[in-house]
C-alpha atoms as a PDB file:
ATOM      1  CA  MET A   1     112.694 128.993 130.630  1.00  0.00           C
ATOM      2  CA  ASN A   2     114.831 126.350 132.303  1.00  0.00           C
ATOM      3  CA  ARG A   3     118.244 126.284 130.560  1.00  0.00           C
ATOM      4  CA  THR A   4     118.336 122.480 130.357  1.00  0.00           C
ATOM      5  CA  LEU A   5     114.831 122.309 128.904  1.00  0.00           C
ATOM      6  CA  ALA A   6     115.638 125.041 126.402  1.00  0.00           C
ATOM      7  CA  SER A   7     118.717 123.152 125.241  1.00  0.00           C
ATOM      8  CA  GLU A   8     116.621 120.079 124.481  1.00  0.00           C
ATOM      9  CA  ILE A   9     114.119 121.925 122.290  1.00  0.00           C
ATOM     10  CA  GLU A  10     115.260 121.527 118.711  1.00  0.00           C
ATOM     11  CA  GLU A  11     114.832 124.439 116.328  1.00  0.00           C
ATOM     12  CA  PRO A  12     113.351 123.508 112.917  1.00  0.00           C
ATOM     13  CA  GLN A  13     116.646 124.181 111.130  1.00  0.00           C
ATOM     14  CA  ASP A  14     118.524 122.049 113.646  1.00  0.00           C
ATOM     15  CA  LEU A  15     116.018 119.244 113.250  1.00  0.00           C
ATOM     16  CA  ALA A  16     116.348 119.349 109.455  1.00  0.00           C
ATOM     17  CA  LEU A  17     120.143 119.200 109.762  1.00  0.00           C
ATOM     18  CA  GLU A  18     120.013 116.315 112.238  1.00  0.00           C
ATOM     19  CA  THR A  19     117.616 114.439 109.954  1.00  0.00           C
ATOM     20  CA  ARG A  20     119.902 114.900 106.962  1.00  0.00           C
ATOM     21  CA  LEU A  21     122.983 113.828 108.915  1.00  0.00           C
ATOM     22  CA  LEU A  22     121.238 110.740 110.289  1.00  0.00           C
ATOM     23  CA  ILE A  23     120.034 109.671 106.849  1.00  0.00           C
ATOM     24  CA  GLU A  24     123.554 110.166 105.470  1.00  0.00           C
ATOM     25  CA  ALA A  25     124.990 108.144 108.359  1.00  0.00           C
ATOM     26  CA  ILE A  26     122.616 105.256 107.630  1.00  0.00           C
ATOM     27  CA  TYR A  27     123.592 105.377 103.965  1.00  0.00           C
ATOM     28  CA  GLU A  28     127.336 105.601 104.545  1.00  0.00           C
ATOM     29  CA  ARG A  29     127.485 102.907 107.222  1.00  0.00           C
ATOM     30  CA  TYR A  30     124.788 100.441 106.099  1.00  0.00           C
ATOM     31  CA  HIS A  31     124.089 101.417 102.441  1.00  0.00           C
ATOM     32  CA  TYR A  32     120.334 101.861 102.940  1.00  0.00           C
ATOM     33  CA  ASP A  33     119.401 104.919 100.916  1.00  0.00           C
ATOM     34  CA  PHE A  34     116.577 107.027 102.360  1.00  0.00           C
ATOM     35  CA  ARG A  35     117.871 110.295 100.897  1.00  0.00           C
ATOM     36  CA  GLY A  36     115.107 110.453  98.293  1.00  0.00           C
ATOM     37  CA  TYR A  37     112.231 109.672 100.646  1.00  0.00           C
ATOM     38  CA  SER A  38     109.532 112.232 101.300  1.00  0.00           C
ATOM     39  CA  PRO A  39     110.801 114.607 104.032  1.00  0.00           C
ATOM     40  CA  VAL A  40     107.451 114.486 105.831  1.00  0.00           C
ATOM     41  CA  SER A  41     107.321 110.691 105.751  1.00  0.00           C
ATOM     42  CA  ILE A  42     110.910 110.070 106.823  1.00  0.00           C
ATOM     43  CA  ALA A  43     110.666 112.682 109.600  1.00  0.00           C
ATOM     44  CA  ARG A  44     107.593 110.922 110.976  1.00  0.00           C
ATOM     45  CA  GLN A  45     109.309 107.536 110.963  1.00  0.00           C
ATOM     46  CA  LEU A  46     112.529 108.865 112.478  1.00  0.00           C
ATOM     47  CA  ASN A  47     110.548 110.493 115.267  1.00  0.00           C
ATOM     48  CA  ARG A  48     108.962 107.121 116.020  1.00  0.00           C
ATOM     49  CA  ALA A  49     112.404 105.535 116.000  1.00  0.00           C
ATOM     50  CA  LYS A  50     113.783 108.206 118.321  1.00  0.00           C
ATOM     51  CA  ASP A  51     111.058 107.426 120.864  1.00  0.00           C
ATOM     52  CA  ARG A  52     111.447 103.682 120.400  1.00  0.00           C
ATOM     53  CA  PHE A  53     115.155 103.768 121.193  1.00  0.00           C
ATOM     54  CA  GLY A  54     114.814 106.266 124.045  1.00  0.00           C
ATOM     55  CA  CYS A  55     116.717 109.079 122.359  1.00  0.00           C
ATOM     56  CA  ARG A  56     115.901 112.718 123.138  1.00  0.00           C
ATOM     57  CA  THR A  57     117.287 113.932 119.817  1.00  0.00           C
ATOM     58  CA  LEU A  58     118.073 112.574 116.364  1.00  0.00           C
ATOM     59  CA  SER A  59     121.754 113.247 117.071  1.00  0.00           C
ATOM     60  CA  MET A  60     121.536 110.771 119.933  1.00  0.00           C
ATOM     61  CA  LEU A  61     119.878 108.273 117.611  1.00  0.00           C
ATOM     62  CA  GLN A  62     122.636 108.859 115.046  1.00  0.00           C
ATOM     63  CA  HIS A  63     125.244 108.058 117.701  1.00  0.00           C
ATOM     64  CA  ARG A  64     123.509 104.775 118.465  1.00  0.00           C
ATOM     65  CA  VAL A  65     123.171 103.924 114.774  1.00  0.00           C
ATOM     66  CA  LEU A  66     126.910 104.432 114.244  1.00  0.00           C
ATOM     67  CA  HIS A  67     128.060 102.652 117.395  1.00  0.00           C
ATOM     68  CA  GLU A  68     125.393  99.967 117.928  1.00  0.00           C
ATOM     69  CA  PRO A  69     124.938  98.018 114.681  1.00  0.00           C
ATOM     70  CA  ALA A  70     122.590  95.596 116.451  1.00  0.00           C
ATOM     71  CA  ILE A  71     119.787  98.197 116.454  1.00  0.00           C
ATOM     72  CA  MET A  72     119.831  98.644 112.664  1.00  0.00           C
ATOM     73  CA  PRO A  73     117.439  95.776 111.798  1.00  0.00           C
ATOM     74  CA  GLU A  74     114.770  97.158 114.124  1.00  0.00           C
ATOM     75  CA  LEU A  75     115.355 100.703 112.861  1.00  0.00           C
ATOM     76  CA  LEU A  76     114.988  99.446 109.290  1.00  0.00           C
ATOM     77  CA  ASN A  77     111.648  97.883 110.216  1.00  0.00           C
ATOM     78  CA  LEU A  78     110.490 101.257 111.514  1.00  0.00           C
ATOM     79  CA  LEU A  79     111.667 103.111 108.405  1.00  0.00           C
ATOM     80  CA  THR A  80     110.245 100.636 105.873  1.00  0.00           C
ATOM     81  CA  ILE A  81     106.535 100.572 106.581  1.00  0.00           C
ATOM     82  CA  GLN A  82     105.199  97.012 106.369  1.00  0.00           C
ATOM     83  CA  VAL A  83     101.439  97.539 106.167  1.00  0.00           C
ATOM     84  CA  SER A  84      99.349  95.408 103.839  1.00  0.00           C
ATOM     85  CA  ASP A  85      96.781  92.613 103.602  1.00  0.00           C
ATOM     86  CA  LEU A  86      96.154  89.763 101.216  1.00  0.00           C
ATOM     87  CA  PHE A  87      94.187  91.124  98.260  1.00  0.00           C
ATOM     88  CA  ARG A  88      94.309  94.623  99.726  1.00  0.00           C
ATOM     89  CA  ASP A  89      92.014  96.837  97.621  1.00  0.00           C
ATOM     90  CA  PRO A  90      90.143  93.867  96.115  1.00  0.00           C
ATOM     91  CA  THR A  91      88.951  95.835  93.080  1.00  0.00           C
ATOM     92  CA  TYR A  92      92.589  96.192  91.988  1.00  0.00           C
ATOM     93  CA  PHE A  93      92.973  92.422  91.892  1.00  0.00           C
ATOM     94  CA  ARG A  94      89.589  92.013  90.213  1.00  0.00           C
ATOM     95  CA  ALA A  95      90.760  94.424  87.498  1.00  0.00           C
ATOM     96  CA  LEU A  96      93.933  92.370  87.041  1.00  0.00           C
ATOM     97  CA  ARG A  97      91.864  89.195  86.855  1.00  0.00           C
ATOM     98  CA  GLU A  98      89.264  90.504  84.425  1.00  0.00           C
ATOM     99  CA  HIS A  99      91.220  92.937  82.254  1.00  0.00           C
ATOM    100  CA  VAL A 100      94.969  92.331  82.512  1.00  0.00           C
ATOM    101  CA  ILE A 101      95.083  88.521  82.631  1.00  0.00           C
ATOM    102  CA  PRO A 102      93.374  88.184  79.197  1.00  0.00           C
ATOM    103  CA  HIS A 103      96.411  90.002  77.742  1.00  0.00           C
ATOM    104  CA  LEU A 104      99.005  88.133  79.799  1.00  0.00           C
ATOM    105  CA  VAL A 105      97.565  84.755  78.872  1.00  0.00           C
ATOM    106  CA  THR A 106      98.786  85.284  75.292  1.00  0.00           C
ATOM    107  CA  TYR A 107     102.442  84.986  76.385  1.00  0.00           C
ATOM    108  CA  PRO A 108     104.074  81.526  76.531  1.00  0.00           C
ATOM    109  CA  SER A 109     105.890  82.497  79.737  1.00  0.00           C
ATOM    110  CA  LEU A 110     105.533  85.372  82.178  1.00  0.00           C
ATOM    111  CA  LYS A 111     107.592  87.343  84.670  1.00  0.00           C
ATOM    112  CA  VAL A 112     105.999  89.416  87.428  1.00  0.00           C
ATOM    113  CA  TRP A 113     107.845  91.831  89.695  1.00  0.00           C
ATOM    114  CA  ILE A 114     106.434  92.732  93.118  1.00  0.00           C
ATOM    115  CA  ALA A 115     108.592  95.747  94.029  1.00  0.00           C
ATOM    116  CA  GLY A 116     108.632  96.558  97.744  1.00  0.00           C
ATOM    117  CA  CYS A 117     106.961  93.262  98.647  1.00  0.00           C
ATOM    118  CA  GLY A 118     107.230  93.828 102.410  1.00  0.00           C
ATOM    119  CA  ASP A 119     106.006  90.842 104.396  1.00  0.00           C
ATOM    120  CA  GLY A 120     104.671  89.147 101.263  1.00  0.00           C
ATOM    121  CA  GLU A 121     100.920  89.775 101.283  1.00  0.00           C
ATOM    122  CA  GLU A 122     100.954  91.164  97.745  1.00  0.00           C
ATOM    123  CA  LEU A 123     103.093  88.276  96.536  1.00  0.00           C
ATOM    124  CA  TYR A 124     100.741  85.599  97.858  1.00  0.00           C
ATOM    125  CA  SER A 125      97.750  87.504  96.482  1.00  0.00           C
ATOM    126  CA  LEU A 126      99.242  87.448  92.986  1.00  0.00           C
ATOM    127  CA  ALA A 127     100.488  83.864  93.288  1.00  0.00           C
ATOM    128  CA  ILE A 128      96.975  82.715  94.235  1.00  0.00           C
ATOM    129  CA  LEU A 129      95.342  84.809  91.515  1.00  0.00           C
ATOM    130  CA  PHE A 130      97.696  83.463  88.838  1.00  0.00           C
ATOM    131  CA  ARG A 131      97.092  79.894  90.028  1.00  0.00           C
ATOM    132  CA  GLU A 132      93.341  80.382  89.828  1.00  0.00           C
ATOM    133  CA  GLU A 133      93.719  81.756  86.322  1.00  0.00           C
ATOM    134  CA  GLY A 134      95.893  78.851  85.190  1.00  0.00           C
ATOM    135  CA  LEU A 135      99.087  80.910  84.754  1.00  0.00           C
ATOM    136  CA  ALA A 136     101.127  79.949  87.824  1.00  0.00           C
ATOM    137  CA  ALA A 137     103.121  77.163  86.163  1.00  0.00           C
ATOM    138  CA  ARG A 138     104.496  79.477  83.466  1.00  0.00           C
ATOM    139  CA  THR A 139     105.119  82.514  85.681  1.00  0.00           C
ATOM    140  CA  ILE A 140     108.230  83.572  87.586  1.00  0.00           C
ATOM    141  CA  PHE A 141     107.605  86.042  90.406  1.00  0.00           C
ATOM    142  CA  TYR A 142     110.322  88.391  91.628  1.00  0.00           C
ATOM    143  CA  ALA A 143     109.593  89.578  95.181  1.00  0.00           C
ATOM    144  CA  THR A 144     111.985  92.347  96.181  1.00  0.00           C
ATOM    145  CA  ASP A 145     112.491  94.627  99.164  1.00  0.00           C
ATOM    146  CA  ILE A 146     115.338  96.445 100.915  1.00  0.00           C
ATOM    147  CA  ASN A 147     114.425  94.819 104.245  1.00  0.00           C
ATOM    148  CA  GLN A 148     115.939  91.358 104.678  1.00  0.00           C
ATOM    149  CA  ALA A 149     113.752  90.600 107.702  1.00  0.00           C
ATOM    150  CA  ALA A 150     110.637  91.360 105.661  1.00  0.00           C
ATOM    151  CA  LEU A 151     111.878  89.106 102.854  1.00  0.00           C
ATOM    152  CA  ARG A 152     112.391  86.251 105.318  1.00  0.00           C
ATOM    153  CA  LYS A 153     108.878  86.716 106.663  1.00  0.00           C
ATOM    154  CA  ALA A 154     107.493  86.790 103.136  1.00  0.00           C
ATOM    155  CA  GLU A 155     109.309  83.589 102.288  1.00  0.00           C
ATOM    156  CA  SER A 156     107.941  81.879 105.403  1.00  0.00           C
ATOM    157  CA  GLY A 157     104.335  82.634 104.388  1.00  0.00           C
ATOM    158  CA  VAL A 158     103.166  82.717 108.031  1.00  0.00           C
ATOM    159  CA  TYR A 159     100.488  85.203 109.152  1.00  0.00           C
ATOM    160  CA  ASP A 160      98.476  85.647 112.323  1.00  0.00           C
ATOM    161  CA  LEU A 161      95.247  83.695 112.214  1.00  0.00           C
ATOM    162  CA  ASP A 162      93.167  86.684 113.297  1.00  0.00           C
ATOM    163  CA  ARG A 163      93.997  88.351 109.975  1.00  0.00           C
ATOM    164  CA  LEU A 164      92.387  85.570 107.947  1.00  0.00           C
ATOM    165  CA  PRO A 165      88.762  86.824 108.031  1.00  0.00           C
ATOM    166  CA  LEU A 166      89.815  90.029 106.240  1.00  0.00           C
ATOM    167  CA  PHE A 167      92.099  88.105 103.884  1.00  0.00           C
ATOM    168  CA  THR A 168      89.209  85.768 103.064  1.00  0.00           C
ATOM    169  CA  GLU A 169      86.730  88.573 102.423  1.00  0.00           C
ATOM    170  CA  ASN A 170      89.231  90.441 100.238  1.00  0.00           C
ATOM    171  CA  HIS A 171      89.873  87.293  98.223  1.00  0.00           C
ATOM    172  CA  ARG A 172      86.172  86.766  97.680  1.00  0.00           C
ATOM    173  CA  ARG A 173      85.662  90.371  96.571  1.00  0.00           C
ATOM    174  CA  SER A 174      88.614  90.093  94.187  1.00  0.00           C
ATOM    175  CA  GLY A 175      86.753  87.415  92.237  1.00  0.00           C
ATOM    176  CA  GLY A 176      88.427  84.440  93.901  1.00  0.00           C
ATOM    177  CA  LYS A 177      87.433  81.162  92.305  1.00  0.00           C
ATOM    178  CA  THR A 178      88.066  78.898  95.296  1.00  0.00           C
ATOM    179  CA  SER A 179      88.025  79.166  99.067  1.00  0.00           C
ATOM    180  CA  LEU A 180      91.111  80.925 100.413  1.00  0.00           C
ATOM    181  CA  SER A 181      91.420  78.102 102.964  1.00  0.00           C
ATOM    182  CA  THR A 182      92.567  75.924 100.042  1.00  0.00           C
ATOM    183  CA  TYR A 183      95.905  77.704 100.161  1.00  0.00           C
ATOM    184  CA  TYR A 184      96.883  77.601 103.844  1.00  0.00           C
ATOM    185  CA  THR A 185      97.043  75.396 106.926  1.00  0.00           C
ATOM    186  CA  ALA A 186      95.962  76.807 110.288  1.00  0.00           C
ATOM    187  CA  ALA A 187      97.743  75.771 113.488  1.00  0.00           C
ATOM    188  CA  TYR A 188      98.769  77.338 116.807  1.00  0.00           C
ATOM    189  CA  GLY A 189      97.213  80.703 116.050  1.00  0.00           C
ATOM    190  CA  ALA A 190      98.885  81.112 112.666  1.00  0.00           C
ATOM    191  CA  ALA A 191      98.118  80.433 109.024  1.00  0.00           C
ATOM    192  CA  VAL A 192     100.931  78.922 106.946  1.00  0.00           C
ATOM    193  CA  PHE A 193     100.473  79.351 103.223  1.00  0.00           C
ATOM    194  CA  ASP A 194     101.159  76.447 100.891  1.00  0.00           C
ATOM    195  CA  ARG A 195     104.864  76.245 100.035  1.00  0.00           C
ATOM    196  CA  SER A 196     103.973  75.404  96.447  1.00  0.00           C
ATOM    197  CA  LEU A 197     102.861  79.023  95.992  1.00  0.00           C
ATOM    198  CA  CYS A 198     106.556  79.973  96.204  1.00  0.00           C
ATOM    199  CA  GLU A 199     107.899  77.351  93.821  1.00  0.00           C
ATOM    200  CA  ASN A 200     108.471  79.942  91.095  1.00  0.00           C
ATOM    201  CA  VAL A 201     109.325  82.887  93.348  1.00  0.00           C
ATOM    202  CA  VAL A 202     112.704  84.608  93.535  1.00  0.00           C
ATOM    203  CA  PHE A 203     113.151  86.604  96.754  1.00  0.00           C
ATOM    204  CA  SER A 204     115.796  89.283  96.441  1.00  0.00           C
ATOM    205  CA  ASP A 205     117.174  92.420  98.076  1.00  0.00           C
ATOM    206  CA  HIS A 206     116.562  95.357  95.713  1.00  0.00           C
ATOM    207  CA  SER A 207     116.415  99.107  96.269  1.00  0.00           C
ATOM    208  CA  LEU A 208     114.509 101.404  93.956  1.00  0.00           C
ATOM    209  CA  ALA A 209     116.717 104.200  95.275  1.00  0.00           C
ATOM    210  CA  SER A 210     120.050 102.724  94.212  1.00  0.00           C
ATOM    211  CA  ASP A 211     119.715  99.499  92.189  1.00  0.00           C
ATOM    212  CA  GLN A 212     119.003  98.986  88.505  1.00  0.00           C
ATOM    213  CA  VAL A 213     116.814  96.756  86.333  1.00  0.00           C
ATOM    214  CA  PHE A 214     117.501  93.042  86.788  1.00  0.00           C
ATOM    215  CA  ALA A 215     114.940  91.370  84.472  1.00  0.00           C
ATOM    216  CA  GLU A 216     112.455  91.966  81.673  1.00  0.00           C
ATOM    217  CA  VAL A 217     108.942  91.544  83.075  1.00  0.00           C
ATOM    218  CA  HIS A 218     105.326  91.616  81.919  1.00  0.00           C
ATOM    219  CA  LEU A 219     103.769  93.055  85.072  1.00  0.00           C
ATOM    220  CA  VAL A 220     105.158  95.289  87.813  1.00  0.00           C
ATOM    221  CA  SER A 221     103.052  95.621  90.944  1.00  0.00           C
ATOM    222  CA  CYS A 222     104.458  98.343  93.197  1.00  0.00           C
ATOM    223  CA  ARG A 223     101.684  99.545  95.438  1.00  0.00           C
ATOM    224  CA  ASN A 224     101.831 102.032  98.310  1.00  0.00           C
ATOM    225  CA  VAL A 225     105.603 102.335  98.066  1.00  0.00           C
ATOM    226  CA  LEU A 226     106.085 105.446  95.936  1.00  0.00           C
ATOM    227  CA  ILE A 227     103.984 107.608  98.258  1.00  0.00           C
ATOM    228  CA  TYR A 228     106.979 107.596 100.613  1.00  0.00           C
ATOM    229  CA  PHE A 229     109.349 108.889  97.898  1.00  0.00           C
ATOM    230  CA  ASP A 230     110.014 112.456  96.845  1.00  0.00           C
ATOM    231  CA  ARG A 231     109.369 113.441  93.219  1.00  0.00           C
ATOM    232  CA  GLU A 232     112.924 112.795  92.056  1.00  0.00           C
ATOM    233  CA  LEU A 233     113.006 109.285  93.503  1.00  0.00           C
ATOM    234  CA  GLN A 234     109.539 108.543  92.106  1.00  0.00           C
ATOM    235  CA  ASP A 235     110.850 109.493  88.666  1.00  0.00           C
ATOM    236  CA  ARG A 236     113.802 107.168  89.147  1.00  0.00           C
ATOM    237  CA  ALA A 237     111.467 104.309  90.054  1.00  0.00           C
ATOM    238  CA  PHE A 238     109.224 104.937  87.045  1.00  0.00           C
ATOM    239  CA  GLY A 239     112.300 104.908  84.825  1.00  0.00           C
ATOM    240  CA  ILE A 240     113.301 101.520  86.240  1.00  0.00           C
ATOM    241  CA  PHE A 241     109.791 100.156  85.682  1.00  0.00           C
ATOM    242  CA  ASP A 242     109.790 101.463  82.117  1.00  0.00           C
ATOM    243  CA  ASP A 243     113.123  99.765  81.440  1.00  0.00           C
ATOM    244  CA  ALA A 244     111.946  96.508  83.024  1.00  0.00           C
ATOM    245  CA  LEU A 245     108.584  96.193  81.284  1.00  0.00           C
ATOM    246  CA  VAL A 246     108.126  94.591  77.892  1.00  0.00           C
ATOM    247  CA  ARG A 247     106.286  96.676  75.321  1.00  0.00           C
ATOM    248  CA  GLY A 248     102.630  96.521  76.249  1.00  0.00           C
ATOM    249  CA  GLY A 249     103.493  95.398  79.799  1.00  0.00           C
ATOM    250  CA  PHE A 250     101.474  96.508  82.815  1.00  0.00           C
ATOM    251  CA  LEU A 251     102.244  98.619  85.878  1.00  0.00           C
ATOM    252  CA  GLY A 252     100.033  98.545  88.982  1.00  0.00           C
ATOM    253  CA  LEU A 253     100.283 101.287  91.607  1.00  0.00           C
ATOM    254  CA  GLY A 254      98.582 102.144  94.899  1.00  0.00           C
ATOM    255  CA  ALA A 255      95.370 104.120  95.145  1.00  0.00           C
ATOM    256  CA  GLN A 256      97.194 107.387  95.936  1.00  0.00           C
ATOM    257  CA  GLU A 257      99.937 106.964  93.329  1.00  0.00           C
ATOM    258  CA  SER A 258     100.096 108.034  89.697  1.00  0.00           C
ATOM    259  CA  VAL A 259     102.433 108.175  86.714  1.00  0.00           C
ATOM    260  CA  ARG A 260     100.650 111.281  85.480  1.00  0.00           C
ATOM    261  CA  LEU A 261     103.048 113.925  86.870  1.00  0.00           C
ATOM    262  CA  SER A 262     106.195 111.903  86.240  1.00  0.00           C
ATOM    263  CA  ARG A 263     108.612 112.751  83.455  1.00  0.00           C
ATOM    264  CA  HIS A 264     107.960 109.198  82.252  1.00  0.00           C
ATOM    265  CA  ALA A 265     104.210 109.775  81.906  1.00  0.00           C
ATOM    266  CA  SER A 266     104.331 109.766  78.095  1.00  0.00           C
ATOM    267  CA  LYS A 267     105.638 106.195  78.128  1.00  0.00           C
ATOM    268  CA  PHE A 268     102.476 104.818  79.736  1.00  0.00           C
ATOM    269  CA  SER A 269      98.790 104.832  78.908  1.00  0.00           C
ATOM    270  CA  GLU A 270      96.021 104.731  81.500  1.00  0.00           C
ATOM    271  CA  PHE A 271      94.681 101.203  81.261  1.00  0.00           C
ATOM    272  CA  SER A 272      92.426 101.328  84.330  1.00  0.00           C
ATOM    273  CA  MET A 273      92.711 104.736  85.927  1.00  0.00           C
ATOM    274  CA  LYS A 274      90.339 103.932  88.776  1.00  0.00           C
ATOM    275  CA  GLU A 275      92.565 101.033  89.885  1.00  0.00           C
ATOM    276  CA  ARG A 276      95.842 102.799  88.973  1.00  0.00           C
ATOM    277  CA  ILE A 277      96.834 100.259  86.340  1.00  0.00           C
ATOM    278  CA  TYR A 278      98.969 101.567  83.469  1.00  0.00           C
ATOM    279  CA  ARG A 279     100.252  99.998  80.291  1.00  0.00           C
ATOM    280  CA  LYS A 280     103.614 100.638  78.723  1.00  0.00           C
ATOM    281  CA  MET A 281     103.264 102.168  75.283  1.00  0.00           C
ATOM    282  CA  ASN A 282     103.982 100.043  72.254  1.00  0.00           C
ATOM    283  CA  VAL A 283     106.697 102.094  70.569  1.00  0.00           C
ATOM    284  CA  SER A 284     108.483 100.927  67.448  1.00  0.00           C
ATOM    285  CA  GLN A 285     112.204 101.400  66.976  1.00  0.00           C
ATOM    286  CA  SER A 286     111.463 104.414  64.781  1.00  0.00           C
ATOM    287  CA  GLY A 287     109.751 106.044  67.771  1.00  0.00           C
ATOM    288  CA  ARG A 288     106.257 105.700  66.298  1.00  0.00           C
ATOM    289  CA  ARG A 289     103.519 104.538  68.650  1.00  0.00           C
ATOM    290  CA  GLU A 290     101.903 101.308  67.546  1.00  0.00           C
ATOM    291  CA  THR A 291      98.258 100.456  68.071  1.00  0.00           C
END
């Protein structure tokens, strides 16, 4: 084998070491913590990043990360997967509308946390749903993510117009009570969602890997985020959600996510298992479960 070619072929143990060193470098220099992400998931994303930045090895990418801070925003976009749609998995939102909202409506005021909000599709879905159910005026939404660029996009509420047919169909299937077109203005190939949908929204940088609880909330919607975490980091996230939720509060997860194998499983009941909606147990100060 050609000596140069052989030197560029990374052995599995070398690749694992390079991955670990790169993740540590990102954490030490920029304070983005990917150390608890699924090894398979983070390896896939780093490989994409390596190709994107024209690096033959992860060590070369690490050198660029440490010496070229300007590439970090784009690298962060590659590592934090921003894939969603308005009312993605419409039956989830229908379940919220038909089964969770009747419980939430009993509170005089509400707080909802969209953890890992990405580009904002989940936020606008919930803001529209709560408006249609008459709860928007008394609800504060917390939209959090580790990616500042994603938060800015979410706050802008601008999406490509060619995505609207799917958004519209999802909204209809979720039990939408009005036309989705009520909530946006179309111009120049883009749809701009009504700014009033963000009147009660707090956009904030928050990491489930390193930050703590910041508010007491009635609903946490964290969907298709935990699948990228390893078991230890998933447990940390569930602990944060448990601490954040009021007694009897609700937790919504993605279709491939579950509390069941977490060490916090006993703190939640399965409210709608098919849609991955859980409810925090009502536990009295004596430790006795309340019905």
